Amino acid sequence: MKIMRLPKNALFPLLMLGIVHAPCLAAQGRASSAASRNLPSPQEVMRLLMTLQDVPLKGNETCATAGTSLSDTDIGDYISGWLVELKPGQGANWIDAKATPAAGDDKQAGWKCVVMFRHVNGDDRWGWGVSFHVRASDHKPVKESIRCLGGG
């Protein structure tokens, strides 16, 4: 069994918001051989997204002007910015993470993964996130497939 370790700073924002709990970290890199043939779970979708944190925003037409700060340069900045907007005590906040069977742009079988950070507080409603393709053959995300999504 191969165990993948994410940098501590990749999980810190999730821990601080209570989205990921410390007991879950022990299982973060465990994947069975069955997982490579099955639809990724929401937890696995989040883990796969974290591996894309170094993908640049610049040059991607859906991400070039996305983010919460003009200084955002990569998907890690984009995700971190939206995570810190999920403030406790200010309406309802949640994360939707899902995968659906889909072929990628390269026609390879796999899954379309979507992660959305959502907020509702009266008339203040928004959802921002990303989508990306994961190949069924090796269960790895395709960096070139990432798209920034959302509005509000």
N, C-alpha and C. Protein backbone atom coordinates (compact mmCIF):
# COMPACT_ATOMS: atom_id res chain seq x y z
N MET A 1 0.84 -1.16 0.00
CA MET A 1 0.00 0.00 0.00
C MET A 1 0.89 1.23 0.00
N LYS A 2 0.63 2.16 -0.93
CA LYS A 2 1.38 3.39 -1.03
C LYS A 2 0.68 4.48 -0.22
N ILE A 3 1.41 5.14 0.66
CA ILE A 3 0.83 6.21 1.47
C ILE A 3 1.39 7.52 0.97
N MET A 4 0.49 8.43 0.60
CA MET A 4 0.87 9.74 0.10
C MET A 4 0.75 10.74 1.24
N ARG A 5 1.77 11.49 1.47
CA ARG A 5 1.74 12.51 2.51
C ARG A 5 1.61 13.89 1.86
N LEU A 6 0.60 14.64 2.29
CA LEU A 6 0.45 16.00 1.80
C LEU A 6 1.23 16.93 2.72
N PRO A 7 1.71 18.04 2.19
CA PRO A 7 2.38 19.01 3.06
C PRO A 7 1.43 19.47 4.16
N LYS A 8 1.97 19.70 5.35
CA LYS A 8 1.14 20.12 6.47
C LYS A 8 0.34 21.37 6.13
N ASN A 9 0.95 22.30 5.38
CA ASN A 9 0.26 23.55 5.07
C ASN A 9 -0.91 23.35 4.11
N ALA A 10 -0.98 22.22 3.41
CA ALA A 10 -2.09 21.96 2.50
C ALA A 10 -3.37 21.65 3.27
N LEU A 11 -3.26 21.08 4.45
CA LEU A 11 -4.43 20.70 5.22
C LEU A 11 -4.76 21.70 6.33
N PHE A 12 -3.86 22.60 6.63
CA PHE A 12 -4.06 23.52 7.74
C PHE A 12 -5.36 24.32 7.63
N PRO A 13 -5.67 24.93 6.45
CA PRO A 13 -6.93 25.69 6.38
C PRO A 13 -8.15 24.81 6.64
N LEU A 14 -8.12 23.59 6.19
CA LEU A 14 -9.26 22.69 6.40
C LEU A 14 -9.40 22.31 7.87
N LEU A 15 -8.28 22.10 8.54
CA LEU A 15 -8.31 21.79 9.97
C LEU A 15 -8.88 22.97 10.77
N MET A 16 -8.42 24.18 10.43
CA MET A 16 -8.85 25.37 11.16
C MET A 16 -10.36 25.60 11.02
N LEU A 17 -10.92 25.28 9.89
CA LEU A 17 -12.34 25.48 9.66
C LEU A 17 -13.18 24.31 10.17
N GLY A 18 -12.53 23.25 10.63
CA GLY A 18 -13.24 22.09 11.11
C GLY A 18 -13.82 21.24 9.99
N ILE A 19 -13.35 21.47 8.75
CA ILE A 19 -13.85 20.72 7.61
C ILE A 19 -13.21 19.34 7.57
N VAL A 20 -11.95 19.27 7.94
CA VAL A 20 -11.25 17.99 8.03
C VAL A 20 -10.86 17.82 9.49
N HIS A 21 -11.12 16.68 10.04
CA HIS A 21 -10.79 16.42 11.43
C HIS A 21 -9.52 15.59 11.51
N ALA A 22 -8.76 15.77 12.55
CA ALA A 22 -7.46 15.10 12.70
C ALA A 22 -7.52 13.60 12.49
N PRO A 23 -8.54 12.86 12.99
CA PRO A 23 -8.56 11.41 12.75
C PRO A 23 -8.62 11.06 11.27
N CYS A 24 -9.19 11.96 10.45
CA CYS A 24 -9.27 11.70 9.01
C CYS A 24 -7.90 11.74 8.35
N LEU A 25 -6.96 12.47 8.94
CA LEU A 25 -5.65 12.63 8.33
C LEU A 25 -4.89 11.31 8.25
N ALA A 26 -5.14 10.42 9.18
CA ALA A 26 -4.43 9.14 9.17
C ALA A 26 -4.76 8.34 7.92
N ALA A 27 -5.94 8.57 7.36
CA ALA A 27 -6.37 7.80 6.19
C ALA A 27 -6.21 8.58 4.89
N GLN A 28 -5.58 9.77 4.93
CA GLN A 28 -5.58 10.64 3.76
C GLN A 28 -4.97 10.02 2.52
N GLY A 29 -3.97 9.19 2.63
CA GLY A 29 -3.33 8.67 1.44
C GLY A 29 -3.68 7.24 1.12
N ARG A 30 -4.49 6.59 1.94
CA ARG A 30 -4.81 5.19 1.71
C ARG A 30 -5.80 5.04 0.58
N ALA A 31 -5.47 4.20 -0.37
CA ALA A 31 -6.40 3.90 -1.46
C ALA A 31 -6.25 2.43 -1.79
N SER A 32 -7.36 1.74 -1.87
CA SER A 32 -7.30 0.33 -2.21
C SER A 32 -7.25 0.18 -3.71
N SER A 33 -6.92 -1.02 -4.17
CA SER A 33 -6.92 -1.25 -5.60
C SER A 33 -8.32 -1.09 -6.16
N ALA A 34 -9.34 -1.33 -5.34
CA ALA A 34 -10.72 -1.14 -5.79
C ALA A 34 -10.99 0.33 -6.08
N ALA A 35 -10.35 1.24 -5.34
CA ALA A 35 -10.58 2.67 -5.54
C ALA A 35 -10.17 3.11 -6.93
N SER A 36 -9.18 2.45 -7.52
CA SER A 36 -8.75 2.84 -8.86
C SER A 36 -9.78 2.44 -9.91
N ARG A 37 -10.71 1.57 -9.56
CA ARG A 37 -11.74 1.14 -10.50
C ARG A 37 -13.09 1.78 -10.18
N ASN A 38 -13.24 2.39 -9.04
CA ASN A 38 -14.52 2.91 -8.58
C ASN A 38 -14.55 4.43 -8.56
N LEU A 39 -15.75 4.94 -8.56
CA LEU A 39 -15.98 6.37 -8.46
C LEU A 39 -15.29 6.92 -7.22
N PRO A 40 -14.50 8.00 -7.35
CA PRO A 40 -13.85 8.57 -6.18
C PRO A 40 -14.87 9.09 -5.17
N SER A 41 -14.60 8.86 -3.90
CA SER A 41 -15.45 9.37 -2.82
C SER A 41 -15.23 10.88 -2.70
N PRO A 42 -16.14 11.60 -2.00
CA PRO A 42 -15.91 13.02 -1.78
C PRO A 42 -14.56 13.30 -1.11
N GLN A 43 -14.16 12.46 -0.15
CA GLN A 43 -12.86 12.66 0.51
C GLN A 43 -11.72 12.50 -0.49
N GLU A 44 -11.82 11.52 -1.37
CA GLU A 44 -10.78 11.33 -2.36
C GLU A 44 -10.75 12.48 -3.37
N VAL A 45 -11.91 13.00 -3.73
CA VAL A 45 -11.97 14.16 -4.64
C VAL A 45 -11.22 15.33 -4.01
N MET A 46 -11.42 15.56 -2.72
CA MET A 46 -10.70 16.64 -2.03
C MET A 46 -9.19 16.39 -2.04
N ARG A 47 -8.78 15.15 -1.78
CA ARG A 47 -7.36 14.81 -1.79
C ARG A 47 -6.77 15.04 -3.18
N LEU A 48 -7.47 14.62 -4.21
CA LEU A 48 -6.99 14.81 -5.58
C LEU A 48 -6.88 16.30 -5.90
N LEU A 49 -7.85 17.09 -5.46
CA LEU A 49 -7.78 18.54 -5.68
C LEU A 49 -6.53 19.13 -5.04
N MET A 50 -6.20 18.68 -3.84
CA MET A 50 -5.02 19.22 -3.15
C MET A 50 -3.73 18.93 -3.92
N THR A 51 -3.71 17.87 -4.72
CA THR A 51 -2.50 17.58 -5.50
C THR A 51 -2.35 18.55 -6.67
N LEU A 52 -3.39 19.32 -6.96
CA LEU A 52 -3.36 20.27 -8.07
C LEU A 52 -3.04 21.70 -7.61
N GLN A 53 -2.64 21.87 -6.37
CA GLN A 53 -2.48 23.22 -5.82
C GLN A 53 -1.46 24.09 -6.56
N ASP A 54 -0.49 23.49 -7.27
CA ASP A 54 0.53 24.27 -7.97
C ASP A 54 0.15 24.63 -9.41
N VAL A 55 -1.04 24.26 -9.86
CA VAL A 55 -1.46 24.59 -11.23
C VAL A 55 -1.69 26.11 -11.32
N PRO A 56 -1.01 26.78 -12.26
CA PRO A 56 -1.16 28.24 -12.37
C PRO A 56 -2.55 28.67 -12.84
N LEU A 57 -3.00 29.82 -12.35
CA LEU A 57 -4.26 30.40 -12.81
C LEU A 57 -4.06 31.07 -14.17
N LYS A 58 -2.92 31.71 -14.33
CA LYS A 58 -2.61 32.43 -15.57
C LYS A 58 -2.54 31.43 -16.72
N GLY A 59 -3.12 31.79 -17.84
CA GLY A 59 -3.10 30.92 -19.00
C GLY A 59 -4.30 30.00 -19.08
N ASN A 60 -5.11 29.95 -18.03
CA ASN A 60 -6.32 29.15 -18.04
C ASN A 60 -7.49 30.14 -18.14
N GLU A 61 -8.21 30.09 -19.26
CA GLU A 61 -9.24 31.11 -19.50
C GLU A 61 -10.31 31.16 -18.43
N THR A 62 -10.58 30.05 -17.75
CA THR A 62 -11.62 30.06 -16.71
C THR A 62 -11.07 30.49 -15.35
N CYS A 63 -9.76 30.48 -15.19
CA CYS A 63 -9.16 30.78 -13.89
C CYS A 63 -8.32 32.07 -13.87
N ALA A 64 -7.98 32.60 -15.02
CA ALA A 64 -7.04 33.72 -15.10
C ALA A 64 -7.47 34.92 -14.24
N THR A 65 -8.76 35.20 -14.15
CA THR A 65 -9.23 36.34 -13.36
C THR A 65 -10.02 35.89 -12.14
N ALA A 66 -9.92 34.62 -11.80
CA ALA A 66 -10.66 34.08 -10.64
C ALA A 66 -9.84 34.26 -9.37
N GLY A 67 -10.48 34.10 -8.26
CA GLY A 67 -9.79 34.17 -6.97
C GLY A 67 -10.34 35.25 -6.10
N THR A 68 -9.85 35.30 -4.89
CA THR A 68 -10.33 36.29 -3.92
C THR A 68 -9.35 37.44 -3.76
N SER A 69 -8.18 37.33 -4.38
CA SER A 69 -7.16 38.36 -4.27
C SER A 69 -6.43 38.50 -5.61
N LEU A 70 -6.02 39.72 -5.93
CA LEU A 70 -5.26 39.94 -7.15
C LEU A 70 -3.91 39.23 -7.12
N SER A 71 -3.45 38.88 -5.93
CA SER A 71 -2.15 38.20 -5.80
C SER A 71 -2.25 36.68 -5.97
N ASP A 72 -3.46 36.14 -6.15
CA ASP A 72 -3.62 34.69 -6.36
C ASP A 72 -2.92 34.29 -7.65
N THR A 73 -2.04 33.29 -7.56
CA THR A 73 -1.29 32.86 -8.74
C THR A 73 -1.55 31.41 -9.14
N ASP A 74 -2.06 30.59 -8.22
CA ASP A 74 -2.27 29.17 -8.55
C ASP A 74 -3.54 28.65 -7.87
N ILE A 75 -3.87 27.42 -8.17
CA ILE A 75 -5.09 26.80 -7.63
C ILE A 75 -5.05 26.76 -6.10
N GLY A 76 -3.87 26.57 -5.52
CA GLY A 76 -3.74 26.59 -4.07
C GLY A 76 -4.18 27.92 -3.47
N ASP A 77 -3.78 29.03 -4.11
CA ASP A 77 -4.22 30.36 -3.65
C ASP A 77 -5.73 30.49 -3.81
N TYR A 78 -6.24 30.06 -4.95
CA TYR A 78 -7.67 30.16 -5.26
C TYR A 78 -8.49 29.40 -4.21
N ILE A 79 -8.12 28.15 -3.95
CA ILE A 79 -8.85 27.32 -2.98
C ILE A 79 -8.74 27.90 -1.57
N SER A 80 -7.54 28.29 -1.18
CA SER A 80 -7.33 28.84 0.17
C SER A 80 -8.16 30.10 0.38
N GLY A 81 -8.23 30.94 -0.65
CA GLY A 81 -9.01 32.16 -0.56
C GLY A 81 -10.48 31.89 -0.30
N TRP A 82 -11.04 30.91 -1.00
CA TRP A 82 -12.46 30.59 -0.80
C TRP A 82 -12.69 29.86 0.52
N LEU A 83 -11.74 29.05 0.94
CA LEU A 83 -11.90 28.37 2.24
C LEU A 83 -11.99 29.37 3.39
N VAL A 84 -11.16 30.39 3.38
CA VAL A 84 -11.20 31.35 4.49
C VAL A 84 -12.45 32.23 4.44
N GLU A 85 -13.16 32.24 3.31
CA GLU A 85 -14.42 32.98 3.24
C GLU A 85 -15.56 32.22 3.92
N LEU A 86 -15.36 30.94 4.23
CA LEU A 86 -16.38 30.13 4.91
C LEU A 86 -16.28 30.37 6.42
N LYS A 87 -16.72 31.53 6.84
CA LYS A 87 -16.57 31.96 8.23
C LYS A 87 -17.70 31.41 9.11
N PRO A 88 -17.35 30.91 10.29
CA PRO A 88 -18.39 30.41 11.20
C PRO A 88 -19.27 31.56 11.69
N GLY A 89 -20.53 31.24 11.93
CA GLY A 89 -21.46 32.23 12.47
C GLY A 89 -21.97 33.23 11.45
N GLN A 90 -21.65 33.03 10.18
CA GLN A 90 -22.11 33.96 9.14
C GLN A 90 -22.89 33.19 8.08
N GLY A 91 -24.04 32.69 8.46
CA GLY A 91 -24.87 31.92 7.54
C GLY A 91 -24.43 30.48 7.45
N ALA A 92 -24.90 29.83 6.40
CA ALA A 92 -24.55 28.43 6.17
C ALA A 92 -23.39 28.34 5.19
N ASN A 93 -22.42 27.52 5.53
CA ASN A 93 -21.24 27.30 4.69
C ASN A 93 -21.03 25.80 4.54
N TRP A 94 -20.69 25.37 3.35
CA TRP A 94 -20.41 23.96 3.15
C TRP A 94 -19.58 23.76 1.89
N ILE A 95 -19.08 22.54 1.75
CA ILE A 95 -18.30 22.16 0.58
C ILE A 95 -18.99 20.97 -0.07
N ASP A 96 -19.26 21.10 -1.37
CA ASP A 96 -19.76 19.98 -2.17
C ASP A 96 -18.57 19.39 -2.92
N ALA A 97 -18.36 18.11 -2.77
CA ALA A 97 -17.30 17.42 -3.52
C ALA A 97 -17.92 16.15 -4.10
N LYS A 98 -17.83 16.00 -5.42
CA LYS A 98 -18.43 14.82 -6.04
C LYS A 98 -17.69 14.45 -7.32
N ALA A 99 -17.91 13.23 -7.74
CA ALA A 99 -17.35 12.73 -8.99
C ALA A 99 -18.46 12.03 -9.77
N THR A 100 -18.43 12.20 -11.08
CA THR A 100 -19.38 11.51 -11.96
C THR A 100 -18.59 10.89 -13.11
N PRO A 101 -19.02 9.73 -13.59
CA PRO A 101 -18.33 9.10 -14.71
C PRO A 101 -18.33 10.03 -15.93
N ALA A 102 -17.18 10.19 -16.56
CA ALA A 102 -17.06 11.04 -17.75
C ALA A 102 -15.73 10.78 -18.43
N ALA A 103 -15.72 10.92 -19.74
CA ALA A 103 -14.47 10.86 -20.49
C ALA A 103 -13.85 12.26 -20.46
N GLY A 104 -12.55 12.32 -20.44
CA GLY A 104 -11.85 13.60 -20.46
C GLY A 104 -11.74 14.16 -21.86
N ASP A 105 -11.13 15.34 -21.98
CA ASP A 105 -10.91 15.96 -23.29
C ASP A 105 -10.09 15.05 -24.19
N ASP A 106 -9.25 14.22 -23.58
CA ASP A 106 -8.42 13.29 -24.34
C ASP A 106 -9.15 11.97 -24.62
N LYS A 107 -10.45 11.93 -24.32
CA LYS A 107 -11.33 10.77 -24.54
C LYS A 107 -11.01 9.58 -23.64
N GLN A 108 -10.14 9.76 -22.63
CA GLN A 108 -9.84 8.68 -21.70
C GLN A 108 -10.96 8.55 -20.68
N ALA A 109 -11.31 7.31 -20.37
CA ALA A 109 -12.35 7.05 -19.37
C ALA A 109 -11.90 7.56 -18.01
N GLY A 110 -12.86 7.96 -17.22
CA GLY A 110 -12.55 8.43 -15.87
C GLY A 110 -13.73 9.13 -15.25
N TRP A 111 -13.43 10.18 -14.50
CA TRP A 111 -14.46 10.88 -13.76
C TRP A 111 -14.25 12.38 -13.83
N LYS A 112 -15.37 13.10 -13.89
CA LYS A 112 -15.34 14.55 -13.74
C LYS A 112 -15.56 14.82 -12.27
N CYS A 113 -14.60 15.49 -11.66
CA CYS A 113 -14.70 15.84 -10.24
C CYS A 113 -15.03 17.32 -10.13
N VAL A 114 -15.93 17.63 -9.20
CA VAL A 114 -16.33 19.02 -8.96
C VAL A 114 -16.27 19.27 -7.46
N VAL A 115 -15.61 20.36 -7.08
CA VAL A 115 -15.56 20.81 -5.68
C VAL A 115 -16.07 22.24 -5.67
N MET A 116 -17.13 22.48 -4.89
CA MET A 116 -17.71 23.82 -4.77
C MET A 116 -17.73 24.24 -3.31
N PHE A 117 -17.29 25.46 -3.06
CA PHE A 117 -17.34 26.08 -1.73
C PHE A 117 -18.58 26.96 -1.75
N ARG A 118 -19.53 26.68 -0.86
CA ARG A 118 -20.83 27.36 -0.91
C ARG A 118 -21.13 28.14 0.37
N HIS A 119 -21.89 29.22 0.17
CA HIS A 119 -22.25 30.10 1.28
C HIS A 119 -23.66 30.64 1.03
N VAL A 120 -24.49 30.64 2.08
CA VAL A 120 -25.82 31.26 2.02
C VAL A 120 -26.03 31.99 3.34
N ASN A 121 -26.34 33.28 3.24
CA ASN A 121 -26.66 34.09 4.41
C ASN A 121 -27.69 35.13 3.94
N GLY A 122 -28.97 34.78 4.05
CA GLY A 122 -30.03 35.66 3.53
C GLY A 122 -29.90 35.78 2.02
N ASP A 123 -29.76 37.03 1.54
CA ASP A 123 -29.61 37.28 0.10
C ASP A 123 -28.19 37.06 -0.38
N ASP A 124 -27.25 36.90 0.53
CA ASP A 124 -25.85 36.67 0.16
C ASP A 124 -25.65 35.18 -0.12
N ARG A 125 -25.62 34.84 -1.41
CA ARG A 125 -25.49 33.44 -1.83
C ARG A 125 -24.40 33.35 -2.88
N TRP A 126 -23.46 32.42 -2.66
CA TRP A 126 -22.44 32.20 -3.69
C TRP A 126 -21.91 30.78 -3.63
N GLY A 127 -21.30 30.40 -4.73
CA GLY A 127 -20.64 29.11 -4.84
C GLY A 127 -19.49 29.24 -5.82
N TRP A 128 -18.29 28.95 -5.37
CA TRP A 128 -17.09 29.01 -6.21
C TRP A 128 -16.34 27.70 -6.06
N GLY A 129 -15.66 27.28 -7.10
CA GLY A 129 -14.93 26.03 -7.00
C GLY A 129 -14.19 25.68 -8.27
N VAL A 130 -13.97 24.38 -8.44
CA VAL A 130 -13.22 23.89 -9.59
C VAL A 130 -13.80 22.56 -10.07
N SER A 131 -13.51 22.25 -11.32
CA SER A 131 -13.77 20.90 -11.84
C SER A 131 -12.46 20.42 -12.47
N PHE A 132 -12.30 19.11 -12.52
CA PHE A 132 -11.12 18.51 -13.14
C PHE A 132 -11.42 17.07 -13.48
N HIS A 133 -10.66 16.52 -14.41
CA HIS A 133 -10.84 15.13 -14.85
C HIS A 133 -9.82 14.24 -14.16
N VAL A 134 -10.27 13.06 -13.76
CA VAL A 134 -9.40 12.04 -13.18
C VAL A 134 -9.46 10.82 -14.10
N ARG A 135 -8.28 10.36 -14.54
CA ARG A 135 -8.20 9.19 -15.41
C ARG A 135 -8.49 7.92 -14.62
N ALA A 136 -9.29 7.03 -15.20
CA ALA A 136 -9.58 5.75 -14.57
C ALA A 136 -8.35 4.84 -14.59
N SER A 137 -7.51 4.98 -15.62
CA SER A 137 -6.37 4.08 -15.79
C SER A 137 -5.37 4.15 -14.66
N ASP A 138 -5.11 5.36 -14.14
CA ASP A 138 -4.12 5.48 -13.06
C ASP A 138 -4.65 6.28 -11.86
N HIS A 139 -5.91 6.69 -11.93
CA HIS A 139 -6.56 7.42 -10.83
C HIS A 139 -5.84 8.71 -10.49
N LYS A 140 -5.31 9.38 -11.52
CA LYS A 140 -4.59 10.64 -11.32
C LYS A 140 -5.36 11.77 -12.00
N PRO A 141 -5.34 12.96 -11.38
CA PRO A 141 -6.02 14.10 -12.01
C PRO A 141 -5.21 14.62 -13.20
N VAL A 142 -5.91 15.12 -14.20
CA VAL A 142 -5.28 15.70 -15.39
C VAL A 142 -5.18 17.20 -15.16
N LYS A 143 -3.95 17.70 -14.95
CA LYS A 143 -3.75 19.12 -14.61
C LYS A 143 -4.37 20.06 -15.64
N GLU A 144 -4.27 19.70 -16.90
CA GLU A 144 -4.76 20.57 -17.97
C GLU A 144 -6.29 20.64 -18.01
N SER A 145 -6.96 19.77 -17.27
CA SER A 145 -8.43 19.75 -17.31
C SER A 145 -9.08 20.67 -16.29
N ILE A 146 -8.29 21.28 -15.40
CA ILE A 146 -8.89 22.08 -14.31
C ILE A 146 -9.59 23.31 -14.86
N ARG A 147 -10.78 23.57 -14.30
CA ARG A 147 -11.60 24.73 -14.67
C ARG A 147 -12.09 25.38 -13.39
N CYS A 148 -12.06 26.70 -13.36
CA CYS A 148 -12.61 27.43 -12.22
C CYS A 148 -14.09 27.70 -12.49
N LEU A 149 -14.90 27.52 -11.46
CA LEU A 149 -16.36 27.61 -11.59
C LEU A 149 -16.92 28.58 -10.57
N GLY A 150 -18.11 29.07 -10.83
CA GLY A 150 -18.84 29.75 -9.78
C GLY A 150 -19.36 31.12 -10.11
N GLY A 151 -20.02 31.64 -9.10
CA GLY A 151 -20.59 32.98 -9.19
C GLY A 151 -21.34 33.31 -7.91
N GLY A 152 -21.70 34.55 -7.81
CA GLY A 152 -22.46 34.97 -6.65
C GLY A 152 -22.15 36.38 -6.28
